């Protein structure tokens, strides 16, 4: 599956590791992951909670990349 550039998930990842695994499956440099959330509009509270959780995952991913960059930078010194 080295040429995969799109992953579509119809179920919510249970945790950050599962989220990162899904993103990692889109191995192509231009790869994307699409999470489809199917929900009743009247369940806005749960939608808001899930949206916040995804935002947290994205923030954690950015922090993880910054930490890796920082470690690699320190190793070059």
PDB file of N, CA and C in Angstrom:
ATOM      1  N   UNK A   1       0.811  -1.200   0.000  1.00  0.00           N
ATOM      2  CA  UNK A   1       0.000   0.000   0.000  1.00  0.00           C
ATOM      3  C   UNK A   1       0.854   1.262   0.000  1.00  0.00           C
ATOM      4  N   UNK A   2       2.005   1.233  -0.569  1.00  0.00           N
ATOM      5  CA  UNK A   2       2.901   2.379  -0.499  1.00  0.00           C
ATOM      6  C   UNK A   2       2.368   3.601  -1.246  1.00  0.00           C
ATOM      7  N   UNK A   3       1.460   3.422  -2.202  1.00  0.00           N
ATOM      8  CA  UNK A   3       0.945   4.547  -2.962  1.00  0.00           C
ATOM      9  C   UNK A   3      -0.355   5.127  -2.427  1.00  0.00           C
ATOM     10  N   UNK A   4      -0.787   4.700  -1.259  1.00  0.00           N
ATOM     11  CA  UNK A   4      -2.055   5.160  -0.704  1.00  0.00           C
ATOM     12  C   UNK A   4      -1.995   6.652  -0.382  1.00  0.00           C
ATOM     13  N   UNK A   5      -2.966   7.416  -0.885  1.00  0.00           N
ATOM     14  CA  UNK A   5      -2.961   8.849  -0.596  1.00  0.00           C
ATOM     15  C   UNK A   5      -4.266   9.336   0.026  1.00  0.00           C
ATOM     16  N   UNK A   6      -5.182   8.419   0.343  1.00  0.00           N
ATOM     17  CA  UNK A   6      -6.427   8.820   0.992  1.00  0.00           C
ATOM     18  C   UNK A   6      -6.943   7.681   1.856  1.00  0.00           C
ATOM     19  N   UNK A   7      -7.245   7.992   3.093  1.00  0.00           N
ATOM     20  CA  UNK A   7      -7.854   7.041   4.019  1.00  0.00           C
ATOM     21  C   UNK A   7      -9.140   7.680   4.520  1.00  0.00           C
ATOM     22  N   UNK A   8     -10.235   6.940   4.445  1.00  0.00           N
ATOM     23  CA  UNK A   8     -11.524   7.433   4.942  1.00  0.00           C
ATOM     24  C   UNK A   8     -11.964   6.514   6.075  1.00  0.00           C
ATOM     25  N   UNK A   9     -12.203   7.094   7.228  1.00  0.00           N
ATOM     26  CA  UNK A   9     -12.695   6.341   8.388  1.00  0.00           C
ATOM     27  C   UNK A   9     -14.119   6.758   8.678  1.00  0.00           C
ATOM     28  N   UNK A  10     -14.974   5.763   8.901  1.00  0.00           N
ATOM     29  CA  UNK A  10     -16.369   6.032   9.234  1.00  0.00           C
ATOM     30  C   UNK A  10     -16.646   5.840  10.717  1.00  0.00           C
ATOM     31  N   UNK A  11     -15.634   5.466  11.463  1.00  0.00           N
ATOM     32  CA  UNK A  11     -15.810   5.339  12.909  1.00  0.00           C
ATOM     33  C   UNK A  11     -14.762   6.200  13.608  1.00  0.00           C
ATOM     34  N   UNK A  12     -15.098   6.658  14.778  1.00  0.00           N
ATOM     35  CA  UNK A  12     -14.236   7.552  15.540  1.00  0.00           C
ATOM     36  C   UNK A  12     -13.056   6.774  16.124  1.00  0.00           C
ATOM     37  N   UNK A  13     -11.836   7.288  15.974  1.00  0.00           N
ATOM     38  CA  UNK A  13     -10.701   6.626  16.640  1.00  0.00           C
ATOM     39  C   UNK A  13     -10.913   6.652  18.154  1.00  0.00           C
ATOM     40  N   UNK A  14     -10.566   5.570  18.810  1.00  0.00           N
ATOM     41  CA  UNK A  14     -10.801   5.466  20.249  1.00  0.00           C
ATOM     42  C   UNK A  14      -9.797   6.252  21.084  1.00  0.00           C
ATOM     43  N   UNK A  15      -8.610   6.534  20.493  1.00  0.00           N
ATOM     44  CA  UNK A  15      -7.580   7.250  21.242  1.00  0.00           C
ATOM     45  C   UNK A  15      -6.585   7.886  20.271  1.00  0.00           C
ATOM     46  N   UNK A  16      -5.597   8.589  20.813  1.00  0.00           N
ATOM     47  CA  UNK A  16      -4.622   9.285  19.991  1.00  0.00           C
ATOM     48  C   UNK A  16      -3.812   8.311  19.128  1.00  0.00           C
ATOM     49  N   UNK A  17      -3.448   7.158  19.681  1.00  0.00           N
ATOM     50  CA  UNK A  17      -2.681   6.166  18.917  1.00  0.00           C
ATOM     51  C   UNK A  17      -3.452   5.694  17.692  1.00  0.00           C
ATOM     52  N   UNK A  18      -4.733   5.433  17.877  1.00  0.00           N
ATOM     53  CA  UNK A  18      -5.578   5.001  16.764  1.00  0.00           C
ATOM     54  C   UNK A  18      -5.696   6.101  15.708  1.00  0.00           C
ATOM     55  N   UNK A  19      -5.804   7.348  16.164  1.00  0.00           N
ATOM     56  CA  UNK A  19      -5.849   8.505  15.261  1.00  0.00           C
ATOM     57  C   UNK A  19      -4.571   8.573  14.425  1.00  0.00           C
ATOM     58  N   UNK A  20      -3.416   8.429  15.083  1.00  0.00           N
ATOM     59  CA  UNK A  20      -2.137   8.508  14.379  1.00  0.00           C
ATOM     60  C   UNK A  20      -1.958   7.335  13.420  1.00  0.00           C
ATOM     61  N   UNK A  21      -2.436   6.158  13.794  1.00  0.00           N
ATOM     62  CA  UNK A  21      -2.367   4.996  12.906  1.00  0.00           C
ATOM     63  C   UNK A  21      -3.147   5.261  11.631  1.00  0.00           C
ATOM     64  N   UNK A  22      -4.317   5.851  11.766  1.00  0.00           N
ATOM     65  CA  UNK A  22      -5.142   6.159  10.596  1.00  0.00           C
ATOM     66  C   UNK A  22      -4.408   7.128   9.673  1.00  0.00           C
ATOM     67  N   UNK A  23      -3.809   8.156  10.265  1.00  0.00           N
ATOM     68  CA  UNK A  23      -3.077   9.129   9.457  1.00  0.00           C
ATOM     69  C   UNK A  23      -1.854   8.486   8.811  1.00  0.00           C
ATOM     70  N   UNK A  24      -1.227   7.554   9.514  1.00  0.00           N
ATOM     71  CA  UNK A  24      -0.041   6.888   8.983  1.00  0.00           C
ATOM     72  C   UNK A  24      -0.341   5.971   7.813  1.00  0.00           C
ATOM     73  N   UNK A  25      -1.566   5.525   7.690  1.00  0.00           N
ATOM     74  CA  UNK A  25      -1.926   4.643   6.567  1.00  0.00           C
ATOM     75  C   UNK A  25      -1.890   5.380   5.228  1.00  0.00           C
ATOM     76  N   UNK A  26      -2.080   6.678   5.255  1.00  0.00           N
ATOM     77  CA  UNK A  26      -1.966   7.485   4.038  1.00  0.00           C
ATOM     78  C   UNK A  26      -0.484   7.839   3.870  1.00  0.00           C
ATOM     79  N   UNK A  27       0.270   6.907   3.325  1.00  0.00           N
ATOM     80  CA  UNK A  27       1.724   7.014   3.295  1.00  0.00           C
ATOM     81  C   UNK A  27       2.274   7.964   2.237  1.00  0.00           C
ATOM     82  N   UNK A  28       1.516   8.226   1.209  1.00  0.00           N
ATOM     83  CA  UNK A  28       2.011   9.103   0.152  1.00  0.00           C
ATOM     84  C   UNK A  28       2.278  10.495   0.730  1.00  0.00           C
ATOM     85  N   UNK A  29       3.243  11.201   0.151  1.00  0.00           N
ATOM     86  CA  UNK A  29       3.596  12.531   0.661  1.00  0.00           C
ATOM     87  C   UNK A  29       2.399  13.477   0.650  1.00  0.00           C
ATOM     88  N   UNK A  30       1.495  13.295  -0.280  1.00  0.00           N
ATOM     89  CA  UNK A  30       0.306  14.142  -0.357  1.00  0.00           C
ATOM     90  C   UNK A  30      -0.899  13.450   0.275  1.00  0.00           C
ATOM     91  N   UNK A  31      -0.639  12.471   1.141  1.00  0.00           N
ATOM     92  CA  UNK A  31      -1.711  11.682   1.745  1.00  0.00           C
ATOM     93  C   UNK A  31      -2.600  12.482   2.676  1.00  0.00           C
ATOM     94  N   UNK A  32      -3.865  12.105   2.694  1.00  0.00           N
ATOM     95  CA  UNK A  32      -4.852  12.747   3.554  1.00  0.00           C
ATOM     96  C   UNK A  32      -5.696  11.699   4.247  1.00  0.00           C
ATOM     97  N   UNK A  33      -6.209  12.072   5.398  1.00  0.00           N
ATOM     98  CA  UNK A  33      -7.140  11.216   6.121  1.00  0.00           C
ATOM     99  C   UNK A  33      -8.420  12.001   6.310  1.00  0.00           C
ATOM    100  N   UNK A  34      -9.541  11.362   6.043  1.00  0.00           N
ATOM    101  CA  UNK A  34     -10.843  11.990   6.201  1.00  0.00           C
ATOM    102  C   UNK A  34     -11.625  11.194   7.236  1.00  0.00           C
ATOM    103  N   UNK A  35     -12.057  11.866   8.290  1.00  0.00           N
ATOM    104  CA  UNK A  35     -12.892  11.232   9.299  1.00  0.00           C
ATOM    105  C   UNK A  35     -14.317  11.693   9.060  1.00  0.00           C
ATOM    106  N   UNK A  36     -15.204  10.753   8.793  1.00  0.00           N
ATOM    107  CA  UNK A  36     -16.610  11.064   8.549  1.00  0.00           C
ATOM    108  C   UNK A  36     -17.378  10.811   9.835  1.00  0.00           C
ATOM    109  N   UNK A  37     -18.042  11.839  10.320  1.00  0.00           N
ATOM    110  CA  UNK A  37     -18.829  11.704  11.542  1.00  0.00           C
ATOM    111  C   UNK A  37     -20.304  11.788  11.168  1.00  0.00           C
ATOM    112  N   UNK A  38     -21.032  10.714  11.400  1.00  0.00           N
ATOM    113  CA  UNK A  38     -22.461  10.685  11.115  1.00  0.00           C
ATOM    114  C   UNK A  38     -23.191  10.810  12.440  1.00  0.00           C
ATOM    115  N   UNK A  39     -24.011  11.822  12.553  1.00  0.00           N
ATOM    116  CA  UNK A  39     -24.685  12.069  13.826  1.00  0.00           C
ATOM    117  C   UNK A  39     -25.949  12.886  13.591  1.00  0.00           C
ATOM    118  N   UNK A  40     -26.889  12.748  14.507  1.00  0.00           N
ATOM    119  CA  UNK A  40     -28.068  13.605  14.454  1.00  0.00           C
ATOM    120  C   UNK A  40     -27.664  15.023  14.824  1.00  0.00           C
ATOM    121  N   UNK A  41     -28.242  15.982  14.147  1.00  0.00           N
ATOM    122  CA  UNK A  41     -27.925  17.368  14.475  1.00  0.00           C
ATOM    123  C   UNK A  41     -28.394  17.735  15.878  1.00  0.00           C
ATOM    124  N   UNK A  42     -29.379  17.040  16.398  1.00  0.00           N
ATOM    125  CA  UNK A  42     -29.866  17.364  17.739  1.00  0.00           C
ATOM    126  C   UNK A  42     -28.869  16.933  18.818  1.00  0.00           C
ATOM    127  N   UNK A  43     -27.897  16.120  18.438  1.00  0.00           N
ATOM    128  CA  UNK A  43     -26.878  15.670  19.379  1.00  0.00           C
ATOM    129  C   UNK A  43     -25.645  16.576  19.276  1.00  0.00           C
ATOM    130  N   UNK A  44     -25.869  17.865  19.353  1.00  0.00           N
ATOM    131  CA  UNK A  44     -24.818  18.853  19.156  1.00  0.00           C
ATOM    132  C   UNK A  44     -23.753  18.789  20.252  1.00  0.00           C
ATOM    133  N   UNK A  45     -24.151  18.459  21.461  1.00  0.00           N
ATOM    134  CA  UNK A  45     -23.190  18.391  22.571  1.00  0.00           C
ATOM    135  C   UNK A  45     -22.124  17.322  22.311  1.00  0.00           C
ATOM    136  N   UNK A  46     -22.559  16.140  21.848  1.00  0.00           N
ATOM    137  CA  UNK A  46     -21.600  15.076  21.551  1.00  0.00           C
ATOM    138  C   UNK A  46     -20.731  15.462  20.358  1.00  0.00           C
ATOM    139  N   UNK A  47     -21.328  16.082  19.339  1.00  0.00           N
ATOM    140  CA  UNK A  47     -20.550  16.551  18.186  1.00  0.00           C
ATOM    141  C   UNK A  47     -19.472  17.529  18.641  1.00  0.00           C
ATOM    142  N   UNK A  48     -19.824  18.473  19.511  1.00  0.00           N
ATOM    143  CA  UNK A  48     -18.863  19.462  20.005  1.00  0.00           C
ATOM    144  C   UNK A  48     -17.734  18.785  20.776  1.00  0.00           C
ATOM    145  N   UNK A  49     -18.084  17.788  21.570  1.00  0.00           N
ATOM    146  CA  UNK A  49     -17.081  17.054  22.341  1.00  0.00           C
ATOM    147  C   UNK A  49     -16.121  16.326  21.396  1.00  0.00           C
ATOM    148  N   UNK A  50     -16.668  15.668  20.368  1.00  0.00           N
ATOM    149  CA  UNK A  50     -15.830  14.953  19.406  1.00  0.00           C
ATOM    150  C   UNK A  50     -14.944  15.913  18.618  1.00  0.00           C
ATOM    151  N   UNK A  51     -15.492  17.066  18.255  1.00  0.00           N
ATOM    152  CA  UNK A  51     -14.709  18.071  17.520  1.00  0.00           C
ATOM    153  C   UNK A  51     -13.534  18.541  18.375  1.00  0.00           C
ATOM    154  N   UNK A  52     -13.791  18.783  19.638  1.00  0.00           N
ATOM    155  CA  UNK A  52     -12.730  19.214  20.554  1.00  0.00           C
ATOM    156  C   UNK A  52     -11.666  18.119  20.698  1.00  0.00           C
ATOM    157  N   UNK A  53     -12.111  16.873  20.745  1.00  0.00           N
ATOM    158  CA  UNK A  53     -11.172  15.755  20.853  1.00  0.00           C
ATOM    159  C   UNK A  53     -10.263  15.685  19.621  1.00  0.00           C
ATOM    160  N   UNK A  54     -10.839  15.845  18.421  1.00  0.00           N
ATOM    161  CA  UNK A  54     -10.031  15.846  17.196  1.00  0.00           C
ATOM    162  C   UNK A  54      -9.042  17.015  17.201  1.00  0.00           C
ATOM    163  N   UNK A  55      -9.502  18.177  17.648  1.00  0.00           N
ATOM    164  CA  UNK A  55      -8.598  19.324  17.736  1.00  0.00           C
ATOM    165  C   UNK A  55      -7.441  19.026  18.686  1.00  0.00           C
ATOM    166  N   UNK A  56      -7.736  18.369  19.797  1.00  0.00           N
ATOM    167  CA  UNK A  56      -6.684  17.985  20.733  1.00  0.00           C
ATOM    168  C   UNK A  56      -5.706  17.012  20.090  1.00  0.00           C
ATOM    169  N   UNK A  57      -6.213  16.054  19.325  1.00  0.00           N
ATOM    170  CA  UNK A  57      -5.337  15.102  18.630  1.00  0.00           C
ATOM    171  C   UNK A  57      -4.400  15.837  17.671  1.00  0.00           C
ATOM    172  N   UNK A  58      -4.955  16.787  16.930  1.00  0.00           N
ATOM    173  CA  UNK A  58      -4.124  17.538  15.982  1.00  0.00           C
ATOM    174  C   UNK A  58      -3.053  18.343  16.712  1.00  0.00           C
ATOM    175  N   UNK A  59      -3.412  18.918  17.848  1.00  0.00           N
ATOM    176  CA  UNK A  59      -2.432  19.661  18.644  1.00  0.00           C
ATOM    177  C   UNK A  59      -1.353  18.720  19.170  1.00  0.00           C
ATOM    178  N   UNK A  60      -1.764  17.552  19.662  1.00  0.00           N
ATOM    179  CA  UNK A  60      -0.793  16.573  20.163  1.00  0.00           C
ATOM    180  C   UNK A  60       0.155  16.136  19.052  1.00  0.00           C
ATOM    181  N   UNK A  61      -0.366  15.968  17.843  1.00  0.00           N
ATOM    182  CA  UNK A  61       0.466  15.570  16.714  1.00  0.00           C
ATOM    183  C   UNK A  61       1.514  16.654  16.418  1.00  0.00           C
ATOM    184  N   UNK A  62       1.103  17.924  16.447  1.00  0.00           N
ATOM    185  CA  UNK A  62       2.039  19.023  16.197  1.00  0.00           C
ATOM    186  C   UNK A  62       3.121  19.075  17.269  1.00  0.00           C
ATOM    187  N   UNK A  63       2.725  18.896  18.526  1.00  0.00           N
ATOM    188  CA  UNK A  63       3.697  18.902  19.625  1.00  0.00           C
ATOM    189  C   UNK A  63       4.683  17.753  19.469  1.00  0.00           C
ATOM    190  N   UNK A  64       4.167  16.594  19.081  1.00  0.00           N
ATOM    191  CA  UNK A  64       5.021  15.429  18.889  1.00  0.00           C
ATOM    192  C   UNK A  64       6.053  15.701  17.794  1.00  0.00           C
ATOM    193  N   UNK A  65       5.631  16.319  16.702  1.00  0.00           N
ATOM    194  CA  UNK A  65       6.560  16.649  15.616  1.00  0.00           C
ATOM    195  C   UNK A  65       7.595  17.674  16.063  1.00  0.00           C
ATOM    196  N   UNK A  66       7.165  18.669  16.847  1.00  0.00           N
ATOM    197  CA  UNK A  66       8.107  19.674  17.359  1.00  0.00           C
ATOM    198  C   UNK A  66       9.128  19.032  18.291  1.00  0.00           C
ATOM    199  N   UNK A  67       8.684  18.120  19.141  1.00  0.00           N
ATOM    200  CA  UNK A  67       9.600  17.431  20.045  1.00  0.00           C
ATOM    201  C   UNK A  67      10.628  16.629  19.267  1.00  0.00           C
ATOM    202  N   UNK A  68      10.196  15.944  18.223  1.00  0.00           N
ATOM    203  CA  UNK A  68      11.113  15.168  17.392  1.00  0.00           C
ATOM    204  C   UNK A  68      12.120  16.092  16.723  1.00  0.00           C
ATOM    205  N   UNK A  69      11.654  17.206  16.187  1.00  0.00           N
ATOM    206  CA  UNK A  69      12.539  18.177  15.553  1.00  0.00           C
ATOM    207  C   UNK A  69      13.576  18.687  16.557  1.00  0.00           C
ATOM    208  N   UNK A  70      13.132  18.991  17.770  1.00  0.00           N
ATOM    209  CA  UNK A  70      14.014  19.509  18.808  1.00  0.00           C
ATOM    210  C   UNK A  70      15.069  18.474  19.185  1.00  0.00           C
ATOM    211  N   UNK A  71      14.687  17.216  19.338  1.00  0.00           N
ATOM    212  CA  UNK A  71      15.632  16.148  19.677  1.00  0.00           C
ATOM    213  C   UNK A  71      16.644  15.999  18.562  1.00  0.00           C
ATOM    214  N   UNK A  72      16.199  15.978  17.317  1.00  0.00           N
ATOM    215  CA  UNK A  72      17.121  15.838  16.188  1.00  0.00           C
ATOM    216  C   UNK A  72      18.083  17.022  16.137  1.00  0.00           C
ATOM    217  N   UNK A  73      17.582  18.204  16.432  1.00  0.00           N
ATOM    218  CA  UNK A  73      18.421  19.403  16.462  1.00  0.00           C
ATOM    219  C   UNK A  73      19.502  19.265  17.530  1.00  0.00           C
ATOM    220  N   UNK A  74      19.117  18.796  18.707  1.00  0.00           N
ATOM    221  CA  UNK A  74      20.074  18.635  19.800  1.00  0.00           C
ATOM    222  C   UNK A  74      21.130  17.564  19.484  1.00  0.00           C
ATOM    223  N   UNK A  75      20.733  16.522  18.786  1.00  0.00           N
ATOM    224  CA  UNK A  75      21.667  15.471  18.440  1.00  0.00           C
ATOM    225  C   UNK A  75      22.726  15.948  17.452  1.00  0.00           C
ATOM    226  N   UNK A  76      22.412  16.944  16.658  1.00  0.00           N
ATOM    227  CA  UNK A  76      23.373  17.481  15.685  1.00  0.00           C
ATOM    228  C   UNK A  76      24.410  18.363  16.361  1.00  0.00           C
ATOM    229  N   UNK A  77      24.138  18.827  17.572  1.00  0.00           N
ATOM    230  CA  UNK A  77      25.078  19.718  18.271  1.00  0.00           C
ATOM    231  C   UNK A  77      26.232  18.930  18.842  1.00  0.00           C
TER     232      UNK A  77
END
